[in-house]
Amino acid sequence: MSKISWHQVSALALAAFFIVGSLSNIFAPGSIYEEYLRWGYPHWFHFVTGSLELTTAVLLARARTRLWGSALGCAVMLAALATVTLHGEYGHGVAPLVAATLSIIVGWFAWRKRLPSPA
């Protein structure tokens, strides 16, 4: 039986969150599409967001690229947080804030793993 650390589980759970987010943005139902337009983004911008989230998920899934994935995920979520905050939709800011925080934590553990251990 393989041992999976909670660091790996948290990274994979975060990757799953970004997969769900990417699919909901790429195949944007009318409500999501209309939100992007209301926020002033071009009609195609939901594809950009979805692609960045999917890239984040792929990078988070692999230990070698996890640090990059956490950095990209944090950037995307901070941009989402800024968007909803600027438009006064504070209730929509909870998920991006939590995801950005988790991205920072996952990134911290990925960074620490790259550092040489003291002898």
C-alpha atoms as a PDB file:
ATOM      1  CA  MET A   1       0.000   0.000   0.000  1.00  0.00           C
ATOM      2  CA  SER A   2       1.421   3.344  -0.984  1.00  0.00           C
ATOM      3  CA  LYS A   3       1.676   6.192   1.447  1.00  0.00           C
ATOM      4  CA  ILE A   4       0.202   9.438   0.266  1.00  0.00           C
ATOM      5  CA  SER A   5       1.007  12.467   2.376  1.00  0.00           C
ATOM      6  CA  TRP A   6      -1.518  15.142   3.191  1.00  0.00           C
ATOM      7  CA  HIS A   7       0.686  17.507   1.161  1.00  0.00           C
ATOM      8  CA  GLN A   8      -0.037  15.421  -1.922  1.00  0.00           C
ATOM      9  CA  VAL A   9      -3.716  15.109  -1.087  1.00  0.00           C
ATOM     10  CA  SER A  10      -4.069  18.874  -0.637  1.00  0.00           C
ATOM     11  CA  ALA A  11      -2.313  19.520  -3.959  1.00  0.00           C
ATOM     12  CA  LEU A  12      -4.526  17.007  -5.776  1.00  0.00           C
ATOM     13  CA  ALA A  13      -7.681  18.383  -4.136  1.00  0.00           C
ATOM     14  CA  LEU A  14      -6.666  21.861  -5.246  1.00  0.00           C
ATOM     15  CA  ALA A  15      -6.036  20.518  -8.757  1.00  0.00           C
ATOM     16  CA  ALA A  16      -9.545  19.036  -8.738  1.00  0.00           C
ATOM     17  CA  PHE A  17     -10.961  22.431  -7.718  1.00  0.00           C
ATOM     18  CA  PHE A  18      -9.189  24.053 -10.671  1.00  0.00           C
ATOM     19  CA  ILE A  19     -10.451  21.350 -13.061  1.00  0.00           C
ATOM     20  CA  VAL A  20     -14.039  22.026 -12.016  1.00  0.00           C
ATOM     21  CA  GLY A  21     -13.441  25.768 -12.305  1.00  0.00           C
ATOM     22  CA  SER A  22     -11.855  25.425 -15.719  1.00  0.00           C
ATOM     23  CA  LEU A  23     -14.711  23.351 -17.087  1.00  0.00           C
ATOM     24  CA  SER A  24     -17.308  25.783 -15.771  1.00  0.00           C
ATOM     25  CA  ASN A  25     -15.434  28.665 -17.402  1.00  0.00           C
ATOM     26  CA  ILE A  26     -14.624  26.965 -20.712  1.00  0.00           C
ATOM     27  CA  PHE A  27     -18.185  25.696 -21.186  1.00  0.00           C
ATOM     28  CA  ALA A  28     -19.573  28.834 -19.544  1.00  0.00           C
ATOM     29  CA  PRO A  29     -23.301  28.595 -19.035  1.00  0.00           C
ATOM     30  CA  GLY A  30     -25.203  31.791 -19.718  1.00  0.00           C
ATOM     31  CA  SER A  31     -24.881  33.067 -16.150  1.00  0.00           C
ATOM     32  CA  ILE A  32     -21.075  32.857 -16.108  1.00  0.00           C
ATOM     33  CA  TYR A  33     -20.822  34.299 -19.615  1.00  0.00           C
ATOM     34  CA  GLU A  34     -23.043  37.222 -18.591  1.00  0.00           C
ATOM     35  CA  GLU A  35     -20.950  37.853 -15.462  1.00  0.00           C
ATOM     36  CA  TYR A  36     -17.800  38.232 -17.549  1.00  0.00           C
ATOM     37  CA  LEU A  37     -19.568  40.729 -19.798  1.00  0.00           C
ATOM     38  CA  ARG A  38     -20.965  42.625 -16.810  1.00  0.00           C
ATOM     39  CA  TRP A  39     -17.455  42.870 -15.347  1.00  0.00           C
ATOM     40  CA  GLY A  40     -16.245  44.436 -18.602  1.00  0.00           C
ATOM     41  CA  TYR A  41     -14.260  41.519 -20.009  1.00  0.00           C
ATOM     42  CA  PRO A  42     -14.383  40.614 -23.723  1.00  0.00           C
ATOM     43  CA  HIS A  43     -16.845  37.892 -24.760  1.00  0.00           C
ATOM     44  CA  TRP A  44     -14.009  35.360 -25.183  1.00  0.00           C
ATOM     45  CA  PHE A  45     -12.278  35.971 -21.840  1.00  0.00           C
ATOM     46  CA  HIS A  46     -13.939  33.032 -20.092  1.00  0.00           C
ATOM     47  CA  PHE A  47     -11.845  30.785 -22.374  1.00  0.00           C
ATOM     48  CA  VAL A  48      -8.666  32.473 -21.130  1.00  0.00           C
ATOM     49  CA  THR A  49      -9.665  31.983 -17.502  1.00  0.00           C
ATOM     50  CA  GLY A  50     -10.674  28.371 -18.092  1.00  0.00           C
ATOM     51  CA  SER A  51      -7.429  27.609 -19.917  1.00  0.00           C
ATOM     52  CA  LEU A  52      -5.340  29.146 -17.129  1.00  0.00           C
ATOM     53  CA  GLU A  53      -7.251  27.125 -14.537  1.00  0.00           C
ATOM     54  CA  LEU A  54      -6.801  23.914 -16.524  1.00  0.00           C
ATOM     55  CA  THR A  55      -3.078  24.623 -16.867  1.00  0.00           C
ATOM     56  CA  THR A  56      -2.940  25.205 -13.122  1.00  0.00           C
ATOM     57  CA  ALA A  57      -4.575  21.836 -12.456  1.00  0.00           C
ATOM     58  CA  VAL A  58      -2.116  20.012 -14.715  1.00  0.00           C
ATOM     59  CA  LEU A  59       0.861  21.719 -13.081  1.00  0.00           C
ATOM     60  CA  LEU A  60      -0.440  20.988  -9.571  1.00  0.00           C
ATOM     61  CA  ALA A  61      -0.921  17.305 -10.331  1.00  0.00           C
ATOM     62  CA  ARG A  62       2.800  16.699 -10.834  1.00  0.00           C
ATOM     63  CA  ALA A  63       5.272  17.137  -7.991  1.00  0.00           C
ATOM     64  CA  ARG A  64       7.929  18.578 -10.329  1.00  0.00           C
ATOM     65  CA  THR A  65       5.693  21.424 -11.506  1.00  0.00           C
ATOM     66  CA  ARG A  66       3.625  21.931  -8.359  1.00  0.00           C
ATOM     67  CA  LEU A  67       5.377  25.154  -7.393  1.00  0.00           C
ATOM     68  CA  TRP A  68       4.584  26.675 -10.800  1.00  0.00           C
ATOM     69  CA  GLY A  69       1.002  25.452 -10.563  1.00  0.00           C
ATOM     70  CA  SER A  70       0.519  26.969  -7.150  1.00  0.00           C
ATOM     71  CA  ALA A  71       1.941  30.303  -8.338  1.00  0.00           C
ATOM     72  CA  LEU A  72      -0.312  30.363 -11.406  1.00  0.00           C
ATOM     73  CA  GLY A  73      -3.338  29.279  -9.387  1.00  0.00           C
ATOM     74  CA  CYS A  74      -2.712  31.965  -6.800  1.00  0.00           C
ATOM     75  CA  ALA A  75      -2.374  34.625  -9.515  1.00  0.00           C
ATOM     76  CA  VAL A  76      -5.608  33.550 -11.213  1.00  0.00           C
ATOM     77  CA  MET A  77      -7.504  33.497  -7.930  1.00  0.00           C
ATOM     78  CA  LEU A  78      -6.151  36.887  -6.842  1.00  0.00           C
ATOM     79  CA  ALA A  79      -7.279  38.306 -10.192  1.00  0.00           C
ATOM     80  CA  ALA A  80     -10.732  36.791  -9.629  1.00  0.00           C
ATOM     81  CA  LEU A  81     -10.797  38.212  -6.106  1.00  0.00           C
ATOM     82  CA  ALA A  82      -9.852  41.652  -7.411  1.00  0.00           C
ATOM     83  CA  THR A  83     -12.577  41.482 -10.061  1.00  0.00           C
ATOM     84  CA  VAL A  84     -15.403  40.622  -7.675  1.00  0.00           C
ATOM     85  CA  THR A  85     -14.140  43.066  -5.041  1.00  0.00           C
ATOM     86  CA  LEU A  86     -13.968  45.951  -7.514  1.00  0.00           C
ATOM     87  CA  HIS A  87     -17.553  45.204  -8.523  1.00  0.00           C
ATOM     88  CA  GLY A  88     -18.777  44.964  -4.932  1.00  0.00           C
ATOM     89  CA  GLU A  89     -19.674  41.281  -5.183  1.00  0.00           C
ATOM     90  CA  TYR A  90     -18.011  40.331  -1.926  1.00  0.00           C
ATOM     91  CA  GLY A  91     -19.908  37.070  -1.526  1.00  0.00           C
ATOM     92  CA  HIS A  92     -18.272  35.790  -4.711  1.00  0.00           C
ATOM     93  CA  GLY A  93     -14.849  36.443  -3.185  1.00  0.00           C
ATOM     94  CA  VAL A  94     -14.840  33.606  -0.661  1.00  0.00           C
ATOM     95  CA  ALA A  95     -13.917  30.798  -3.081  1.00  0.00           C
ATOM     96  CA  PRO A  96     -11.068  32.723  -4.777  1.00  0.00           C
ATOM     97  CA  LEU A  97      -9.706  33.782  -1.385  1.00  0.00           C
ATOM     98  CA  VAL A  98      -9.733  30.213  -0.067  1.00  0.00           C
ATOM     99  CA  ALA A  99      -8.214  28.842  -3.295  1.00  0.00           C
ATOM    100  CA  ALA A 100      -5.483  31.521  -3.299  1.00  0.00           C
ATOM    101  CA  THR A 101      -4.658  30.727   0.324  1.00  0.00           C
ATOM    102  CA  LEU A 102      -4.500  27.000  -0.393  1.00  0.00           C
ATOM    103  CA  SER A 103      -2.332  27.709  -3.434  1.00  0.00           C
ATOM    104  CA  ILE A 104       0.100  29.594  -1.218  1.00  0.00           C
ATOM    105  CA  ILE A 105       0.195  26.708   1.274  1.00  0.00           C
ATOM    106  CA  VAL A 106       0.715  24.087  -1.454  1.00  0.00           C
ATOM    107  CA  GLY A 107       3.381  26.290  -3.008  1.00  0.00           C
ATOM    108  CA  TRP A 108       5.125  26.691   0.337  1.00  0.00           C
ATOM    109  CA  PHE A 109       5.358  22.924   0.780  1.00  0.00           C
ATOM    110  CA  ALA A 110       6.561  22.482  -2.804  1.00  0.00           C
ATOM    111  CA  TRP A 111       9.198  25.163  -2.231  1.00  0.00           C
ATOM    112  CA  ARG A 112      10.378  23.592   1.028  1.00  0.00           C
ATOM    113  CA  LYS A 113      10.683  20.215  -0.642  1.00  0.00           C
ATOM    114  CA  ARG A 114      13.062  21.713  -3.212  1.00  0.00           C
ATOM    115  CA  LEU A 115      15.393  23.080  -0.533  1.00  0.00           C
ATOM    116  CA  PRO A 116      18.320  20.868   0.471  1.00  0.00           C
ATOM    117  CA  SER A 117      17.906  19.315   3.883  1.00  0.00           C
ATOM    118  CA  PRO A 118      20.479  20.320   6.509  1.00  0.00           C
ATOM    119  CA  ALA A 119      23.150  17.690   7.129  1.00  0.00           C
END
